[in-house]
Amino acid sequence: MKNVIIETDSHEALKLMSNRGAIDNHPDRDVIEECRRILSELGISMMHTLREGNSCADHLAKLGRMQLDEDLVTLYRPPHSMRQLLFADMTHVAYPRYRKHVR
């Protein structure tokens, strides 16, 4: 694959994967360094997206948190709970981002 771009809604993950994030004392330092090395070797770029722009990945991540007793889960087709999200993504449905109320 060429010109791969990974989108994340996590500013912290983006900072850690770029070489801007300090990781000297991070508990996952070895994993972060390995990820940085792989990203660099494969020429993979990362960029930020809003959670609304990444709803399918966000949904899968939430499902993954429910599978804490499993080391690996392989999906051969999207979970039924994702079908509406996938359809919206394929048809380019835009979701409004509402501002948080600050009091």
C-alpha atoms as a PDB file:
ATOM      1  CA  MET A   1       0.000   0.000   0.000  1.00  0.00           C
ATOM      2  CA  LYS A   2       1.154   3.505  -0.750  1.00  0.00           C
ATOM      3  CA  ASN A   3       0.146   6.911   0.575  1.00  0.00           C
ATOM      4  CA  VAL A   4      -1.635   5.508   3.626  1.00  0.00           C
ATOM      5  CA  ILE A   5      -3.152   8.092   5.947  1.00  0.00           C
ATOM      6  CA  ILE A   6      -4.342   7.111   9.415  1.00  0.00           C
ATOM      7  CA  GLU A   7      -7.036   9.366  10.823  1.00  0.00           C
ATOM      8  CA  THR A   8      -7.511   9.597  14.576  1.00  0.00           C
ATOM      9  CA  ASP A   9      -9.791  11.641  16.782  1.00  0.00           C
ATOM     10  CA  SER A  10      -7.251  11.419  19.602  1.00  0.00           C
ATOM     11  CA  HIS A  11      -4.974  14.444  19.904  1.00  0.00           C
ATOM     12  CA  GLU A  12      -2.903  12.496  22.443  1.00  0.00           C
ATOM     13  CA  ALA A  13      -2.341   9.532  20.096  1.00  0.00           C
ATOM     14  CA  LEU A  14      -1.424  11.883  17.271  1.00  0.00           C
ATOM     15  CA  LYS A  15       1.058  13.704  19.485  1.00  0.00           C
ATOM     16  CA  LEU A  16       2.615  10.450  20.717  1.00  0.00           C
ATOM     17  CA  MET A  17       2.942   8.963  17.228  1.00  0.00           C
ATOM     18  CA  SER A  18       4.513  12.101  15.834  1.00  0.00           C
ATOM     19  CA  ASN A  19       7.965  12.802  17.120  1.00  0.00           C
ATOM     20  CA  ARG A  20       6.663  15.828  19.024  1.00  0.00           C
ATOM     21  CA  GLY A  21       5.411  13.839  21.997  1.00  0.00           C
ATOM     22  CA  ALA A  22       7.916  13.206  24.774  1.00  0.00           C
ATOM     23  CA  ILE A  23       7.852   9.541  25.781  1.00  0.00           C
ATOM     24  CA  ASP A  24      10.923   9.128  28.001  1.00  0.00           C
ATOM     25  CA  ASN A  25       8.861   8.183  31.070  1.00  0.00           C
ATOM     26  CA  HIS A  26       5.748   6.892  29.294  1.00  0.00           C
ATOM     27  CA  PRO A  27       4.672   3.407  30.508  1.00  0.00           C
ATOM     28  CA  ASP A  28       4.164   2.285  26.879  1.00  0.00           C
ATOM     29  CA  ARG A  29       7.405   3.761  25.596  1.00  0.00           C
ATOM     30  CA  ASP A  30       8.557   0.576  23.805  1.00  0.00           C
ATOM     31  CA  VAL A  31       5.240   0.182  21.974  1.00  0.00           C
ATOM     32  CA  ILE A  32       5.190   3.862  20.976  1.00  0.00           C
ATOM     33  CA  GLU A  33       8.757   3.692  19.663  1.00  0.00           C
ATOM     34  CA  GLU A  34       7.898   0.578  17.626  1.00  0.00           C
ATOM     35  CA  CYS A  35       4.810   2.262  16.180  1.00  0.00           C
ATOM     36  CA  ARG A  36       6.845   5.355  15.292  1.00  0.00           C
ATOM     37  CA  ARG A  37       9.441   3.179  13.577  1.00  0.00           C
ATOM     38  CA  ILE A  38       6.800   1.318  11.533  1.00  0.00           C
ATOM     39  CA  LEU A  39       5.044   4.554  10.540  1.00  0.00           C
ATOM     40  CA  SER A  40       8.349   6.020   9.415  1.00  0.00           C
ATOM     41  CA  GLU A  41       9.521   2.941   7.493  1.00  0.00           C
ATOM     42  CA  LEU A  42       6.215   2.553   5.656  1.00  0.00           C
ATOM     43  CA  GLY A  43       5.788   6.271   4.992  1.00  0.00           C
ATOM     44  CA  ILE A  44       2.428   6.383   6.765  1.00  0.00           C
ATOM     45  CA  SER A  45       0.961   9.788   7.627  1.00  0.00           C
ATOM     46  CA  MET A  46      -1.357  10.557  10.507  1.00  0.00           C
ATOM     47  CA  MET A  47      -3.906  13.318  10.742  1.00  0.00           C
ATOM     48  CA  HIS A  48      -6.617  14.454  13.122  1.00  0.00           C
ATOM     49  CA  THR A  49     -10.302  14.005  12.403  1.00  0.00           C
ATOM     50  CA  LEU A  50     -13.356  14.733  14.493  1.00  0.00           C
ATOM     51  CA  ARG A  51     -15.080  11.772  16.139  1.00  0.00           C
ATOM     52  CA  GLU A  52     -18.078  12.456  13.902  1.00  0.00           C
ATOM     53  CA  GLY A  53     -15.837  11.976  10.868  1.00  0.00           C
ATOM     54  CA  ASN A  54     -14.627   8.638  12.145  1.00  0.00           C
ATOM     55  CA  SER A  55     -17.849   7.159  13.486  1.00  0.00           C
ATOM     56  CA  CYS A  56     -17.211   3.612  12.209  1.00  0.00           C
ATOM     57  CA  ALA A  57     -13.792   3.394  13.865  1.00  0.00           C
ATOM     58  CA  ASP A  58     -15.194   4.974  17.026  1.00  0.00           C
ATOM     59  CA  HIS A  59     -17.975   2.381  17.117  1.00  0.00           C
ATOM     60  CA  LEU A  60     -15.530  -0.518  16.634  1.00  0.00           C
ATOM     61  CA  ALA A  61     -13.306   0.833  19.404  1.00  0.00           C
ATOM     62  CA  LYS A  62     -16.281   0.924  21.767  1.00  0.00           C
ATOM     63  CA  LEU A  63     -17.199  -2.642  20.825  1.00  0.00           C
ATOM     64  CA  GLY A  64     -13.586  -3.663  21.438  1.00  0.00           C
ATOM     65  CA  ARG A  65     -13.732  -2.375  24.990  1.00  0.00           C
ATOM     66  CA  MET A  66     -16.594  -4.790  25.623  1.00  0.00           C
ATOM     67  CA  GLN A  67     -14.411  -7.738  24.478  1.00  0.00           C
ATOM     68  CA  LEU A  68     -11.822  -7.360  27.250  1.00  0.00           C
ATOM     69  CA  ASP A  69     -11.592 -11.120  27.806  1.00  0.00           C
ATOM     70  CA  GLU A  70     -10.495 -11.701  24.185  1.00  0.00           C
ATOM     71  CA  ASP A  71      -6.925 -11.221  22.958  1.00  0.00           C
ATOM     72  CA  LEU A  72      -7.970 -11.016  19.311  1.00  0.00           C
ATOM     73  CA  VAL A  73     -11.316 -10.700  17.604  1.00  0.00           C
ATOM     74  CA  THR A  74     -11.513 -11.192  13.837  1.00  0.00           C
ATOM     75  CA  LEU A  75     -14.533  -9.778  12.060  1.00  0.00           C
ATOM     76  CA  TYR A  76     -15.450 -11.266   8.693  1.00  0.00           C
ATOM     77  CA  ARG A  77     -18.278  -8.809   8.180  1.00  0.00           C
ATOM     78  CA  PRO A  78     -19.267  -5.617   9.956  1.00  0.00           C
ATOM     79  CA  PRO A  79     -21.299  -6.049  13.135  1.00  0.00           C
ATOM     80  CA  HIS A  80     -25.023  -5.500  12.633  1.00  0.00           C
ATOM     81  CA  SER A  81     -24.835  -2.498  14.976  1.00  0.00           C
ATOM     82  CA  MET A  82     -22.573  -0.743  12.425  1.00  0.00           C
ATOM     83  CA  ARG A  83     -24.729  -1.047   9.334  1.00  0.00           C
ATOM     84  CA  GLN A  84     -26.414   2.327   9.689  1.00  0.00           C
ATOM     85  CA  LEU A  85     -23.048   4.018  10.321  1.00  0.00           C
ATOM     86  CA  LEU A  86     -21.516   2.364   7.250  1.00  0.00           C
ATOM     87  CA  PHE A  87     -24.462   3.355   5.077  1.00  0.00           C
ATOM     88  CA  ALA A  88     -24.197   6.957   6.288  1.00  0.00           C
ATOM     89  CA  ASP A  89     -20.451   6.909   5.569  1.00  0.00           C
ATOM     90  CA  MET A  90     -20.938   5.490   2.054  1.00  0.00           C
ATOM     91  CA  THR A  91     -23.573   8.121   1.243  1.00  0.00           C
ATOM     92  CA  HIS A  92     -21.459  10.949   2.725  1.00  0.00           C
ATOM     93  CA  VAL A  93     -23.985  11.923   5.377  1.00  0.00           C
ATOM     94  CA  ALA A  94     -22.667  14.832   7.413  1.00  0.00           C
ATOM     95  CA  TYR A  95     -23.217  14.918  11.148  1.00  0.00           C
ATOM     96  CA  PRO A  96     -23.348  18.322  12.803  1.00  0.00           C
ATOM     97  CA  ARG A  97     -20.916  18.963  15.612  1.00  0.00           C
ATOM     98  CA  TYR A  98     -22.656  20.670  18.487  1.00  0.00           C
ATOM     99  CA  ARG A  99     -20.768  23.064  20.686  1.00  0.00           C
ATOM    100  CA  LYS A 100     -20.500  22.140  24.325  1.00  0.00           C
ATOM    101  CA  HIS A 101     -22.344  24.398  26.695  1.00  0.00           C
ATOM    102  CA  VAL A 102     -19.962  26.139  29.046  1.00  0.00           C
ATOM    103  CA  ARG A 103     -21.406  27.562  32.230  1.00  0.00           C
END
